[in-house]
Amino acid sequence: MTEVAVVRLVERLTVSIVGLWAGAVYEPTAIIFLSRQAGMAPPEAAQMASYGTGLLSIGTIPGCIAAPGPTERPGRRSTLALYYFGMMVTIALAFGWACPVIGLAASSHCFAV
């Protein structure tokens, strides 16, 4: 592996780790915001954020355990592409309902890629 390839790999891994960190850090804030916009009281919104954080944490463990197997067959690049595609779809499904709640037009901001 050349030095340029190693640098690119480190850059990609850094971006991936920062993205995962940002998701874990801002996920509770996003859930609280969306819950409050949907009309929940502050204690209920905090409880929803707690459930969401627990679900994220619990889902991370089986994901990390299951990842090596599928990665070996198609290769790391294909697996990473599939992972990011899955992220794009699940984020749209998980937070797409919020667009009408917060008053954004779906065509302008909510599903822009």
N, C-alpha and C. Protein backbone atom coordinates (compact mmCIF):
# COMPACT_ATOMS: atom_id res chain seq x y z
N MET A 1 0.85 -1.17 0.00
CA MET A 1 0.00 0.00 0.00
C MET A 1 0.91 1.24 0.00
N THR A 2 0.63 2.14 -0.92
CA THR A 2 1.47 3.33 -1.03
C THR A 2 1.14 4.33 0.08
N GLU A 3 2.01 5.30 0.24
CA GLU A 3 1.81 6.31 1.28
C GLU A 3 0.55 7.13 1.01
N VAL A 4 0.27 7.42 -0.25
CA VAL A 4 -0.92 8.18 -0.62
C VAL A 4 -2.18 7.38 -0.27
N ALA A 5 -2.16 6.09 -0.54
CA ALA A 5 -3.31 5.24 -0.23
C ALA A 5 -3.55 5.19 1.27
N VAL A 6 -2.48 5.13 2.05
CA VAL A 6 -2.62 5.10 3.51
C VAL A 6 -3.22 6.41 4.01
N VAL A 7 -2.76 7.53 3.46
CA VAL A 7 -3.29 8.84 3.86
C VAL A 7 -4.77 8.94 3.52
N ARG A 8 -5.15 8.48 2.33
CA ARG A 8 -6.57 8.52 1.94
C ARG A 8 -7.41 7.63 2.85
N LEU A 9 -6.89 6.47 3.19
CA LEU A 9 -7.62 5.58 4.08
C LEU A 9 -7.81 6.21 5.45
N VAL A 10 -6.77 6.82 5.97
CA VAL A 10 -6.87 7.49 7.28
C VAL A 10 -7.86 8.64 7.20
N GLU A 11 -7.86 9.40 6.11
CA GLU A 11 -8.82 10.49 5.95
C GLU A 11 -10.25 9.96 5.95
N ARG A 12 -10.50 8.89 5.21
CA ARG A 12 -11.85 8.32 5.14
C ARG A 12 -12.30 7.79 6.49
N LEU A 13 -11.40 7.10 7.18
CA LEU A 13 -11.75 6.58 8.50
C LEU A 13 -12.03 7.71 9.48
N THR A 14 -11.25 8.78 9.39
CA THR A 14 -11.46 9.93 10.27
C THR A 14 -12.83 10.55 10.02
N VAL A 15 -13.19 10.73 8.76
CA VAL A 15 -14.50 11.29 8.43
C VAL A 15 -15.61 10.37 8.93
N SER A 16 -15.44 9.06 8.78
CA SER A 16 -16.45 8.11 9.25
C SER A 16 -16.61 8.18 10.76
N ILE A 17 -15.50 8.24 11.46
CA ILE A 17 -15.56 8.28 12.92
C ILE A 17 -16.19 9.58 13.40
N VAL A 18 -15.83 10.69 12.76
CA VAL A 18 -16.43 11.98 13.12
C VAL A 18 -17.94 11.95 12.87
N GLY A 19 -18.35 11.35 11.76
CA GLY A 19 -19.78 11.23 11.47
C GLY A 19 -20.52 10.40 12.50
N LEU A 20 -19.93 9.29 12.90
CA LEU A 20 -20.57 8.46 13.92
C LEU A 20 -20.61 9.19 15.25
N TRP A 21 -19.54 9.90 15.60
CA TRP A 21 -19.51 10.67 16.84
C TRP A 21 -20.59 11.74 16.82
N ALA A 22 -20.68 12.48 15.71
CA ALA A 22 -21.66 13.54 15.61
C ALA A 22 -23.08 13.00 15.74
N GLY A 23 -23.32 11.84 15.12
CA GLY A 23 -24.64 11.24 15.25
C GLY A 23 -24.97 10.89 16.68
N ALA A 24 -24.00 10.35 17.40
CA ALA A 24 -24.24 9.96 18.79
C ALA A 24 -24.39 11.17 19.70
N VAL A 25 -23.68 12.25 19.38
CA VAL A 25 -23.74 13.45 20.22
C VAL A 25 -25.01 14.24 19.97
N TYR A 26 -25.38 14.42 18.71
CA TYR A 26 -26.52 15.26 18.38
C TYR A 26 -27.84 14.52 18.32
N GLU A 27 -27.80 13.21 18.37
CA GLU A 27 -29.03 12.42 18.32
C GLU A 27 -29.99 12.77 19.46
N PRO A 28 -29.55 12.85 20.72
CA PRO A 28 -30.50 13.21 21.77
C PRO A 28 -31.10 14.60 21.58
N THR A 29 -30.29 15.56 21.15
CA THR A 29 -30.79 16.91 20.91
C THR A 29 -31.83 16.92 19.80
N ALA A 30 -31.57 16.17 18.74
CA ALA A 30 -32.52 16.10 17.63
C ALA A 30 -33.83 15.47 18.07
N ILE A 31 -33.74 14.41 18.85
CA ILE A 31 -34.97 13.74 19.32
C ILE A 31 -35.77 14.66 20.23
N ILE A 32 -35.08 15.36 21.13
CA ILE A 32 -35.78 16.29 22.02
C ILE A 32 -36.46 17.40 21.20
N PHE A 33 -35.74 17.96 20.25
CA PHE A 33 -36.30 19.02 19.42
C PHE A 33 -37.53 18.54 18.67
N LEU A 34 -37.41 17.38 18.02
CA LEU A 34 -38.54 16.87 17.24
C LEU A 34 -39.71 16.47 18.14
N SER A 35 -39.41 15.94 19.30
CA SER A 35 -40.48 15.57 20.23
C SER A 35 -41.22 16.80 20.74
N ARG A 36 -40.48 17.85 21.05
CA ARG A 36 -41.11 19.10 21.51
C ARG A 36 -41.95 19.71 20.39
N GLN A 37 -41.44 19.65 19.16
CA GLN A 37 -42.20 20.19 18.04
C GLN A 37 -43.48 19.39 17.79
N ALA A 38 -43.45 18.11 18.16
CA ALA A 38 -44.64 17.26 17.99
C ALA A 38 -45.62 17.43 19.14
N GLY A 39 -45.27 18.26 20.13
CA GLY A 39 -46.20 18.56 21.22
C GLY A 39 -45.95 17.83 22.52
N MET A 40 -44.85 17.14 22.65
CA MET A 40 -44.56 16.44 23.90
C MET A 40 -44.07 17.42 24.96
N ALA A 41 -44.38 17.11 26.20
CA ALA A 41 -43.87 17.89 27.33
C ALA A 41 -42.38 17.61 27.50
N PRO A 42 -41.64 18.53 28.13
CA PRO A 42 -40.19 18.32 28.29
C PRO A 42 -39.79 16.99 28.93
N PRO A 43 -40.47 16.53 29.99
CA PRO A 43 -40.06 15.23 30.53
C PRO A 43 -40.28 14.06 29.55
N GLU A 44 -41.37 14.12 28.78
CA GLU A 44 -41.62 13.07 27.79
C GLU A 44 -40.58 13.12 26.67
N ALA A 45 -40.20 14.34 26.26
CA ALA A 45 -39.18 14.49 25.21
C ALA A 45 -37.84 13.96 25.68
N ALA A 46 -37.50 14.22 26.94
CA ALA A 46 -36.24 13.69 27.50
C ALA A 46 -36.27 12.18 27.56
N GLN A 47 -37.43 11.62 27.89
CA GLN A 47 -37.56 10.16 27.94
C GLN A 47 -37.40 9.57 26.53
N MET A 48 -37.96 10.23 25.53
CA MET A 48 -37.80 9.76 24.14
C MET A 48 -36.32 9.81 23.74
N ALA A 49 -35.61 10.86 24.14
CA ALA A 49 -34.19 10.96 23.84
C ALA A 49 -33.42 9.83 24.51
N SER A 50 -33.82 9.50 25.73
CA SER A 50 -33.19 8.40 26.45
C SER A 50 -33.42 7.08 25.73
N TYR A 51 -34.64 6.85 25.27
CA TYR A 51 -34.94 5.62 24.52
C TYR A 51 -34.13 5.58 23.22
N GLY A 52 -34.07 6.70 22.52
CA GLY A 52 -33.33 6.76 21.27
C GLY A 52 -31.84 6.50 21.46
N THR A 53 -31.27 7.07 22.51
CA THR A 53 -29.85 6.85 22.79
C THR A 53 -29.58 5.40 23.17
N GLY A 54 -30.50 4.83 23.95
CA GLY A 54 -30.36 3.42 24.31
C GLY A 54 -30.44 2.52 23.10
N LEU A 55 -31.37 2.82 22.20
CA LEU A 55 -31.51 2.04 20.97
C LEU A 55 -30.27 2.14 20.10
N LEU A 56 -29.72 3.35 20.00
CA LEU A 56 -28.49 3.55 19.22
C LEU A 56 -27.34 2.75 19.83
N SER A 57 -27.21 2.81 21.14
CA SER A 57 -26.13 2.10 21.82
C SER A 57 -26.28 0.59 21.71
N ILE A 58 -27.49 0.11 21.91
CA ILE A 58 -27.73 -1.34 21.82
C ILE A 58 -27.53 -1.83 20.39
N GLY A 59 -27.95 -1.05 19.41
CA GLY A 59 -27.80 -1.44 18.02
C GLY A 59 -26.35 -1.42 17.54
N THR A 60 -25.53 -0.62 18.19
CA THR A 60 -24.12 -0.53 17.79
C THR A 60 -23.39 -1.84 18.07
N ILE A 61 -23.68 -2.48 19.18
CA ILE A 61 -22.97 -3.70 19.57
C ILE A 61 -23.18 -4.83 18.56
N PRO A 62 -24.42 -5.22 18.24
CA PRO A 62 -24.57 -6.29 17.24
C PRO A 62 -24.04 -5.87 15.87
N GLY A 63 -24.14 -4.58 15.55
CA GLY A 63 -23.61 -4.12 14.27
C GLY A 63 -22.10 -4.31 14.17
N CYS A 64 -21.40 -4.01 15.26
CA CYS A 64 -19.94 -4.20 15.27
C CYS A 64 -19.56 -5.67 15.25
N ILE A 65 -20.35 -6.50 15.90
CA ILE A 65 -20.07 -7.94 15.92
C ILE A 65 -20.37 -8.56 14.55
N ALA A 66 -21.44 -8.10 13.91
CA ALA A 66 -21.86 -8.70 12.64
C ALA A 66 -21.08 -8.17 11.43
N ALA A 67 -20.43 -7.02 11.55
CA ALA A 67 -19.79 -6.38 10.38
C ALA A 67 -18.68 -7.19 9.73
N PRO A 68 -17.80 -7.86 10.45
CA PRO A 68 -16.67 -8.52 9.77
C PRO A 68 -17.09 -9.59 8.76
N GLY A 69 -18.11 -10.37 9.05
CA GLY A 69 -18.53 -11.44 8.13
C GLY A 69 -18.92 -10.94 6.76
N PRO A 70 -19.90 -10.04 6.67
CA PRO A 70 -20.30 -9.54 5.34
C PRO A 70 -19.21 -8.74 4.65
N THR A 71 -18.30 -8.18 5.40
CA THR A 71 -17.23 -7.38 4.81
C THR A 71 -16.25 -8.25 4.03
N GLU A 72 -16.05 -9.46 4.47
CA GLU A 72 -15.08 -10.35 3.82
C GLU A 72 -15.52 -10.76 2.41
N ARG A 73 -16.80 -10.98 2.21
CA ARG A 73 -17.28 -11.46 0.92
C ARG A 73 -17.20 -10.41 -0.19
N PRO A 74 -17.94 -9.28 -0.07
CA PRO A 74 -17.89 -8.31 -1.17
C PRO A 74 -16.69 -7.37 -1.13
N GLY A 75 -16.05 -7.28 0.00
CA GLY A 75 -14.91 -6.37 0.13
C GLY A 75 -15.28 -5.14 0.94
N ARG A 76 -14.26 -4.44 1.40
CA ARG A 76 -14.47 -3.29 2.27
C ARG A 76 -15.15 -2.13 1.57
N ARG A 77 -14.76 -1.86 0.33
CA ARG A 77 -15.36 -0.72 -0.38
C ARG A 77 -16.86 -0.91 -0.60
N SER A 78 -17.23 -2.09 -1.06
CA SER A 78 -18.65 -2.36 -1.31
C SER A 78 -19.44 -2.32 -0.01
N THR A 79 -18.86 -2.87 1.04
CA THR A 79 -19.54 -2.87 2.33
C THR A 79 -19.71 -1.45 2.84
N LEU A 80 -18.69 -0.62 2.71
CA LEU A 80 -18.78 0.77 3.16
C LEU A 80 -19.80 1.54 2.34
N ALA A 81 -19.84 1.30 1.03
CA ALA A 81 -20.84 1.95 0.18
C ALA A 81 -22.25 1.54 0.60
N LEU A 82 -22.44 0.26 0.86
CA LEU A 82 -23.74 -0.23 1.32
C LEU A 82 -24.11 0.38 2.67
N TYR A 83 -23.13 0.50 3.55
CA TYR A 83 -23.35 1.10 4.86
C TYR A 83 -23.83 2.54 4.72
N TYR A 84 -23.15 3.34 3.90
CA TYR A 84 -23.53 4.74 3.75
C TYR A 84 -24.88 4.87 3.03
N PHE A 85 -25.17 3.99 2.09
CA PHE A 85 -26.48 4.01 1.46
C PHE A 85 -27.56 3.70 2.49
N GLY A 86 -27.31 2.69 3.31
CA GLY A 86 -28.25 2.35 4.39
C GLY A 86 -28.44 3.50 5.36
N MET A 87 -27.35 4.20 5.68
CA MET A 87 -27.45 5.37 6.55
C MET A 87 -28.33 6.44 5.93
N MET A 88 -28.15 6.69 4.64
CA MET A 88 -28.93 7.71 3.95
C MET A 88 -30.42 7.37 3.99
N VAL A 89 -30.74 6.12 3.73
CA VAL A 89 -32.14 5.70 3.71
C VAL A 89 -32.75 5.76 5.11
N THR A 90 -32.04 5.23 6.10
CA THR A 90 -32.62 5.20 7.45
C THR A 90 -32.73 6.59 8.06
N ILE A 91 -31.81 7.49 7.74
CA ILE A 91 -31.93 8.87 8.25
C ILE A 91 -33.15 9.54 7.63
N ALA A 92 -33.35 9.33 6.34
CA ALA A 92 -34.52 9.90 5.69
C ALA A 92 -35.81 9.33 6.28
N LEU A 93 -35.83 8.04 6.55
CA LEU A 93 -37.03 7.43 7.14
C LEU A 93 -37.23 7.85 8.59
N ALA A 94 -36.14 7.94 9.34
CA ALA A 94 -36.25 8.25 10.76
C ALA A 94 -36.61 9.70 11.01
N PHE A 95 -36.07 10.62 10.23
CA PHE A 95 -36.29 12.03 10.49
C PHE A 95 -37.13 12.72 9.43
N GLY A 96 -37.50 12.01 8.37
CA GLY A 96 -38.28 12.62 7.30
C GLY A 96 -39.64 13.10 7.76
N TRP A 97 -40.22 12.44 8.74
CA TRP A 97 -41.52 12.85 9.25
C TRP A 97 -41.46 14.22 9.88
N ALA A 98 -40.28 14.68 10.27
CA ALA A 98 -40.15 15.94 10.97
C ALA A 98 -40.32 17.14 10.05
N CYS A 99 -40.15 16.96 8.75
CA CYS A 99 -40.23 18.10 7.83
C CYS A 99 -41.55 18.84 7.92
N PRO A 100 -42.69 18.16 7.85
CA PRO A 100 -43.95 18.90 8.01
C PRO A 100 -44.11 19.48 9.41
N VAL A 101 -43.56 18.79 10.41
CA VAL A 101 -43.71 19.25 11.79
C VAL A 101 -42.98 20.58 11.99
N ILE A 102 -41.77 20.70 11.42
CA ILE A 102 -41.01 21.94 11.61
C ILE A 102 -41.21 22.94 10.48
N GLY A 103 -42.11 22.61 9.55
CA GLY A 103 -42.51 23.56 8.53
C GLY A 103 -41.59 23.66 7.32
N LEU A 104 -40.83 22.63 7.02
CA LEU A 104 -39.97 22.66 5.84
C LEU A 104 -40.64 21.93 4.69
N ALA A 105 -40.45 22.43 3.51
CA ALA A 105 -40.97 21.74 2.33
C ALA A 105 -40.05 20.57 2.02
N ALA A 106 -40.62 19.43 1.81
CA ALA A 106 -39.83 18.21 1.58
C ALA A 106 -38.90 18.36 0.37
N SER A 107 -39.32 19.08 -0.63
CA SER A 107 -38.48 19.20 -1.82
C SER A 107 -37.29 20.13 -1.62
N SER A 108 -37.35 21.03 -0.66
CA SER A 108 -36.28 22.01 -0.56
C SER A 108 -35.17 21.61 0.40
N HIS A 109 -35.50 21.14 1.59
CA HIS A 109 -34.45 20.90 2.58
C HIS A 109 -34.42 19.48 3.14
N CYS A 110 -35.54 18.88 3.31
CA CYS A 110 -35.59 17.64 4.08
C CYS A 110 -34.88 16.48 3.41
N PHE A 111 -35.03 16.33 2.13
CA PHE A 111 -34.46 15.17 1.47
C PHE A 111 -33.39 15.56 0.46
N ALA A 112 -32.83 16.75 0.62
CA ALA A 112 -31.76 17.17 -0.28
C ALA A 112 -30.52 16.36 -0.01
N VAL A 113 -29.89 15.87 -1.07
CA VAL A 113 -28.68 15.05 -0.91
C VAL A 113 -27.50 15.80 -1.47
